[in-house]
């Protein structure tokens, strides 16, 4: 049976997004997902399973401690102060680097990558950014706290590793 705090966190996040009139939201019993409207945006998701909160920005993902940090990390992904640097080989994404705008410079926070990819194919870099919410609308900072905890694999992405495991 699911913990009421897990349900409360998802309901609270969904209510925040509804009040802010954020389009492209899908909510389920274990998740809230955002699908970008712009070509240069990225998917954002919060999944709660067995008390574990995992935030996804496209292929990047991180296990987050507690519901408040998970909600903040999700919301931060919808602002112009978060971006993903995505590397592709042969049109196939294999590395996702989460960066945060600190003043006027982009600061790397963490990265997730596949172990197996077409290293011989041509390389391309994409910069993805959502501009859906203003970080100022929340008063206090919604920037997630950097953490060294990363999960090792995504159920549907095959073998993955994070920057903290190198």
Foldseek 3Di string as FASTA:
>chain_A
DDDVQQQVLQVVLVVVCVVLVFPQWDGDSFKIKRDDPDPQAWIWMWGADPNWTKIDTHPDIFTDPDSLLSSLQRVQQQAQQWKWKWKAFPNHTFKIWIWGCDPNDTHTQKMKGAPDHPPVGDMDIGIHGHHRDHQVVVPDGSHHDRDLGGDQDDPPPPGMHMPSVD
